[in-house]
N, C-alpha and C. Protein backbone atom coordinates (compact mmCIF):
# COMPACT_ATOMS: atom_id res chain seq x y z
N MET A 1 -9.01 -25.43 0.13
CA MET A 1 -7.97 -25.53 1.13
C MET A 1 -6.78 -24.66 0.74
N ILE A 2 -6.14 -24.11 1.74
CA ILE A 2 -4.96 -23.28 1.55
C ILE A 2 -3.73 -24.18 1.45
N THR A 3 -2.85 -23.85 0.50
CA THR A 3 -1.60 -24.58 0.34
C THR A 3 -0.45 -23.58 0.39
N LEU A 4 0.60 -23.94 1.12
CA LEU A 4 1.79 -23.11 1.23
C LEU A 4 2.96 -23.83 0.58
N LEU A 5 3.54 -23.22 -0.44
CA LEU A 5 4.75 -23.74 -1.06
C LEU A 5 5.91 -23.06 -0.36
N GLN A 6 6.84 -23.87 0.17
CA GLN A 6 7.86 -23.31 1.03
C GLN A 6 9.15 -24.11 0.99
N LEU A 7 10.19 -23.48 1.53
CA LEU A 7 11.41 -24.17 1.90
C LEU A 7 11.29 -24.49 3.39
N ARG A 8 11.74 -25.64 3.79
CA ARG A 8 11.55 -26.13 5.15
C ARG A 8 12.02 -25.16 6.23
N LYS A 9 13.20 -24.58 6.09
CA LYS A 9 13.77 -23.75 7.16
C LYS A 9 13.75 -22.26 6.82
N CYS A 10 12.91 -21.85 5.92
CA CYS A 10 12.83 -20.45 5.51
C CYS A 10 12.13 -19.60 6.57
N PRO A 11 12.76 -18.54 7.06
CA PRO A 11 12.11 -17.70 8.07
C PRO A 11 10.88 -16.97 7.54
N TRP A 12 10.85 -16.69 6.24
CA TRP A 12 9.69 -16.00 5.67
C TRP A 12 8.49 -16.95 5.63
N ALA A 13 8.74 -18.21 5.35
CA ALA A 13 7.66 -19.21 5.39
C ALA A 13 7.19 -19.40 6.83
N ALA A 14 8.11 -19.33 7.79
CA ALA A 14 7.72 -19.45 9.20
C ALA A 14 6.78 -18.31 9.59
N ALA A 15 7.03 -17.11 9.08
CA ALA A 15 6.15 -15.99 9.36
C ALA A 15 4.75 -16.23 8.78
N VAL A 16 4.69 -16.81 7.60
CA VAL A 16 3.39 -17.13 7.00
C VAL A 16 2.69 -18.22 7.80
N ARG A 17 3.42 -19.25 8.20
CA ARG A 17 2.80 -20.31 9.01
C ARG A 17 2.25 -19.75 10.32
N GLN A 18 2.98 -18.82 10.94
CA GLN A 18 2.50 -18.21 12.16
C GLN A 18 1.23 -17.39 11.91
N THR A 19 1.20 -16.70 10.79
CA THR A 19 0.01 -15.92 10.44
C THR A 19 -1.18 -16.85 10.20
N LEU A 20 -0.95 -17.97 9.54
CA LEU A 20 -2.03 -18.94 9.34
C LEU A 20 -2.57 -19.43 10.68
N ALA A 21 -1.68 -19.64 11.64
CA ALA A 21 -2.12 -20.03 12.98
C ALA A 21 -2.89 -18.88 13.64
N ASN A 22 -2.41 -17.65 13.46
CA ASN A 22 -3.07 -16.49 14.06
C ASN A 22 -4.50 -16.30 13.58
N VAL A 23 -4.75 -16.66 12.31
CA VAL A 23 -6.10 -16.50 11.75
C VAL A 23 -6.86 -17.83 11.74
N ASP A 24 -6.27 -18.84 12.40
CA ASP A 24 -6.93 -20.14 12.61
C ASP A 24 -7.36 -20.81 11.31
N GLN A 25 -6.42 -20.88 10.36
CA GLN A 25 -6.71 -21.53 9.08
C GLN A 25 -5.88 -22.80 8.93
N ASP A 26 -6.54 -23.87 8.51
CA ASP A 26 -5.85 -25.11 8.17
C ASP A 26 -5.20 -24.95 6.80
N TYR A 27 -4.10 -25.65 6.61
CA TYR A 27 -3.40 -25.54 5.33
C TYR A 27 -2.53 -26.78 5.12
N GLY A 28 -2.19 -26.99 3.86
CA GLY A 28 -1.24 -28.03 3.51
C GLY A 28 0.07 -27.38 3.09
N VAL A 29 1.13 -28.16 3.14
CA VAL A 29 2.46 -27.65 2.81
C VAL A 29 3.05 -28.48 1.68
N VAL A 30 3.67 -27.79 0.73
CA VAL A 30 4.44 -28.44 -0.32
C VAL A 30 5.87 -27.92 -0.17
N GLN A 31 6.80 -28.83 0.04
CA GLN A 31 8.22 -28.46 0.13
C GLN A 31 8.74 -28.33 -1.30
N VAL A 32 9.35 -27.20 -1.58
CA VAL A 32 9.91 -26.98 -2.91
C VAL A 32 11.41 -27.24 -2.88
N PRO A 33 12.01 -27.53 -4.02
CA PRO A 33 13.45 -27.77 -4.05
C PRO A 33 14.24 -26.52 -3.67
N TYR A 34 15.37 -26.74 -3.04
CA TYR A 34 16.25 -25.62 -2.70
C TYR A 34 16.79 -24.95 -3.97
N ASP A 35 17.11 -25.76 -4.96
CA ASP A 35 17.61 -25.25 -6.23
C ASP A 35 16.47 -24.52 -6.95
N ARG A 36 16.62 -23.22 -7.13
CA ARG A 36 15.55 -22.41 -7.73
C ARG A 36 15.19 -22.85 -9.15
N SER A 37 16.15 -23.37 -9.88
CA SER A 37 15.86 -23.79 -11.26
C SER A 37 14.94 -25.01 -11.29
N LEU A 38 14.78 -25.70 -10.18
CA LEU A 38 13.91 -26.88 -10.11
C LEU A 38 12.52 -26.57 -9.55
N ARG A 39 12.25 -25.33 -9.27
CA ARG A 39 10.95 -24.94 -8.70
C ARG A 39 9.92 -24.70 -9.80
N HIS A 40 9.68 -25.72 -10.57
CA HIS A 40 8.81 -25.61 -11.74
C HIS A 40 7.40 -25.16 -11.37
N GLN A 41 6.84 -25.70 -10.31
CA GLN A 41 5.48 -25.34 -9.91
C GLN A 41 5.41 -23.87 -9.51
N VAL A 42 6.39 -23.40 -8.77
CA VAL A 42 6.42 -22.00 -8.35
C VAL A 42 6.54 -21.09 -9.57
N ILE A 43 7.46 -21.42 -10.46
CA ILE A 43 7.68 -20.59 -11.65
C ILE A 43 6.43 -20.57 -12.53
N GLU A 44 5.81 -21.72 -12.71
CA GLU A 44 4.61 -21.80 -13.55
C GLU A 44 3.48 -20.95 -12.99
N MET A 45 3.33 -20.96 -11.67
CA MET A 45 2.21 -20.26 -11.05
C MET A 45 2.45 -18.77 -10.89
N THR A 46 3.72 -18.36 -10.70
CA THR A 46 3.98 -16.97 -10.34
C THR A 46 4.88 -16.22 -11.31
N GLY A 47 5.56 -16.93 -12.19
CA GLY A 47 6.48 -16.28 -13.10
C GLY A 47 7.81 -15.91 -12.45
N GLN A 48 8.03 -16.36 -11.24
CA GLN A 48 9.28 -16.12 -10.54
C GLN A 48 9.61 -17.36 -9.72
N ASP A 49 10.78 -17.38 -9.06
CA ASP A 49 11.21 -18.63 -8.42
C ASP A 49 11.35 -18.56 -6.90
N LYS A 50 10.82 -17.51 -6.28
CA LYS A 50 11.00 -17.33 -4.84
C LYS A 50 9.84 -17.92 -4.04
N THR A 51 10.14 -18.28 -2.81
CA THR A 51 9.13 -18.76 -1.88
C THR A 51 9.13 -17.83 -0.67
N PRO A 52 8.07 -17.86 0.12
CA PRO A 52 6.90 -18.73 0.06
C PRO A 52 5.87 -18.25 -0.97
N VAL A 53 5.00 -19.19 -1.34
CA VAL A 53 3.86 -18.93 -2.21
C VAL A 53 2.64 -19.52 -1.53
N LEU A 54 1.57 -18.73 -1.48
CA LEU A 54 0.33 -19.20 -0.87
C LEU A 54 -0.72 -19.37 -1.96
N ILE A 55 -1.41 -20.50 -1.93
CA ILE A 55 -2.51 -20.77 -2.85
C ILE A 55 -3.77 -20.91 -2.02
N ASP A 56 -4.76 -20.06 -2.29
CA ASP A 56 -6.04 -20.10 -1.59
C ASP A 56 -7.13 -20.09 -2.65
N GLY A 57 -7.57 -21.29 -3.03
CA GLY A 57 -8.53 -21.40 -4.12
C GLY A 57 -7.88 -20.95 -5.41
N ASP A 58 -8.47 -19.93 -6.06
CA ASP A 58 -7.93 -19.39 -7.31
C ASP A 58 -6.91 -18.27 -7.06
N THR A 59 -6.69 -17.91 -5.81
CA THR A 59 -5.78 -16.83 -5.46
C THR A 59 -4.38 -17.38 -5.21
N VAL A 60 -3.39 -16.79 -5.87
CA VAL A 60 -1.99 -17.18 -5.69
C VAL A 60 -1.22 -15.91 -5.32
N ILE A 61 -0.50 -15.98 -4.19
CA ILE A 61 0.24 -14.82 -3.70
C ILE A 61 1.64 -15.25 -3.32
N TRP A 62 2.63 -14.42 -3.63
CA TRP A 62 3.99 -14.67 -3.18
C TRP A 62 4.50 -13.41 -2.49
N GLU A 63 5.59 -13.56 -1.77
CA GLU A 63 6.22 -12.53 -0.94
C GLU A 63 5.50 -12.52 0.41
N SER A 64 6.26 -12.80 1.44
CA SER A 64 5.67 -13.06 2.76
C SER A 64 4.82 -11.92 3.29
N ARG A 65 5.25 -10.67 3.13
CA ARG A 65 4.44 -9.56 3.65
C ARG A 65 3.11 -9.44 2.91
N ARG A 66 3.11 -9.68 1.61
CA ARG A 66 1.86 -9.66 0.85
C ARG A 66 0.95 -10.80 1.29
N ILE A 67 1.53 -11.96 1.57
CA ILE A 67 0.75 -13.10 2.03
C ILE A 67 0.14 -12.80 3.39
N VAL A 68 0.94 -12.26 4.31
CA VAL A 68 0.43 -11.92 5.65
C VAL A 68 -0.71 -10.92 5.53
N ALA A 69 -0.54 -9.88 4.73
CA ALA A 69 -1.61 -8.89 4.55
C ALA A 69 -2.87 -9.55 4.01
N TYR A 70 -2.72 -10.40 3.01
CA TYR A 70 -3.88 -11.10 2.44
C TYR A 70 -4.60 -11.93 3.50
N LEU A 71 -3.84 -12.70 4.26
CA LEU A 71 -4.46 -13.56 5.27
C LEU A 71 -5.19 -12.74 6.34
N TYR A 72 -4.57 -11.66 6.78
CA TYR A 72 -5.23 -10.80 7.77
C TYR A 72 -6.48 -10.15 7.19
N GLU A 73 -6.41 -9.69 5.94
CA GLU A 73 -7.58 -9.07 5.30
C GLU A 73 -8.70 -10.08 5.10
N THR A 74 -8.35 -11.28 4.72
CA THR A 74 -9.35 -12.28 4.35
C THR A 74 -9.93 -13.03 5.54
N TYR A 75 -9.10 -13.36 6.51
CA TYR A 75 -9.53 -14.23 7.61
C TYR A 75 -9.39 -13.61 9.00
N GLY A 76 -8.84 -12.41 9.08
CA GLY A 76 -8.52 -11.85 10.39
C GLY A 76 -9.66 -11.10 11.05
N ASP A 77 -9.40 -10.71 12.29
CA ASP A 77 -10.32 -9.89 13.06
C ASP A 77 -10.05 -8.40 12.76
N ARG A 78 -10.75 -7.52 13.44
CA ARG A 78 -10.62 -6.10 13.19
C ARG A 78 -9.18 -5.61 13.36
N ARG A 79 -8.53 -6.02 14.41
CA ARG A 79 -7.14 -5.61 14.66
C ARG A 79 -6.22 -6.10 13.55
N GLN A 80 -6.44 -7.33 13.11
CA GLN A 80 -5.62 -7.88 12.02
C GLN A 80 -5.90 -7.18 10.70
N HIS A 81 -7.16 -6.78 10.48
CA HIS A 81 -7.48 -6.01 9.27
C HIS A 81 -6.70 -4.69 9.27
N GLU A 82 -6.63 -4.05 10.45
CA GLU A 82 -5.88 -2.81 10.56
C GLU A 82 -4.39 -3.05 10.27
N ARG A 83 -3.86 -4.13 10.80
CA ARG A 83 -2.44 -4.46 10.55
C ARG A 83 -2.21 -4.72 9.06
N ALA A 84 -3.17 -5.38 8.40
CA ALA A 84 -3.06 -5.63 6.96
C ALA A 84 -2.96 -4.31 6.20
N GLN A 85 -3.74 -3.32 6.59
CA GLN A 85 -3.69 -2.02 5.93
C GLN A 85 -2.33 -1.35 6.15
N GLU A 86 -1.78 -1.50 7.36
CA GLU A 86 -0.45 -0.95 7.64
C GLU A 86 0.60 -1.62 6.74
N ILE A 87 0.50 -2.93 6.60
CA ILE A 87 1.45 -3.65 5.75
C ILE A 87 1.31 -3.18 4.30
N ARG A 88 0.07 -3.06 3.84
CA ARG A 88 -0.15 -2.61 2.45
C ARG A 88 0.47 -1.22 2.24
N GLN A 89 0.33 -0.33 3.22
CA GLN A 89 0.92 1.00 3.11
C GLN A 89 2.44 0.91 3.07
N GLU A 90 3.03 0.06 3.91
CA GLU A 90 4.49 -0.13 3.92
C GLU A 90 4.97 -0.63 2.56
N LEU A 91 4.20 -1.51 1.94
CA LEU A 91 4.60 -2.05 0.64
C LEU A 91 4.58 -0.99 -0.45
N ARG A 92 3.77 0.04 -0.28
CA ARG A 92 3.69 1.13 -1.27
C ARG A 92 4.76 2.19 -1.04
N THR A 93 5.37 2.20 0.14
CA THR A 93 6.35 3.22 0.47
C THR A 93 7.70 2.80 -0.08
N PRO A 94 8.31 3.64 -0.92
CA PRO A 94 9.62 3.27 -1.48
C PRO A 94 10.70 3.29 -0.39
N ILE A 95 11.66 2.41 -0.57
CA ILE A 95 12.80 2.37 0.34
C ILE A 95 13.81 3.40 -0.14
N VAL A 96 14.20 4.30 0.74
CA VAL A 96 15.13 5.36 0.38
C VAL A 96 16.51 4.99 0.90
N THR A 97 17.49 4.99 0.02
CA THR A 97 18.86 4.72 0.43
C THR A 97 19.72 5.92 0.04
N SER A 98 20.79 6.11 0.79
CA SER A 98 21.67 7.22 0.44
C SER A 98 23.06 6.74 0.15
């Protein structure tokens, strides 16, 4: 079963929940503390304290765009697979600031 570790009102977690609905996957939710220093489960699993975090069997992913790409690649249709590749390419492109 897929588990999503999240903050209740986090927009990034909302994007992941919508993606889970888009790929028709059931999941459970674990609400994590707002205080990052209390996110022991998140830190133990990922080495960092940010949410959302997705657990799918032995696979643990954090950062909403990486989670969305994973879900589309793993459970999506052809169009979603293409979108996952676009997201992966965006993640590899450095952000240029002046």
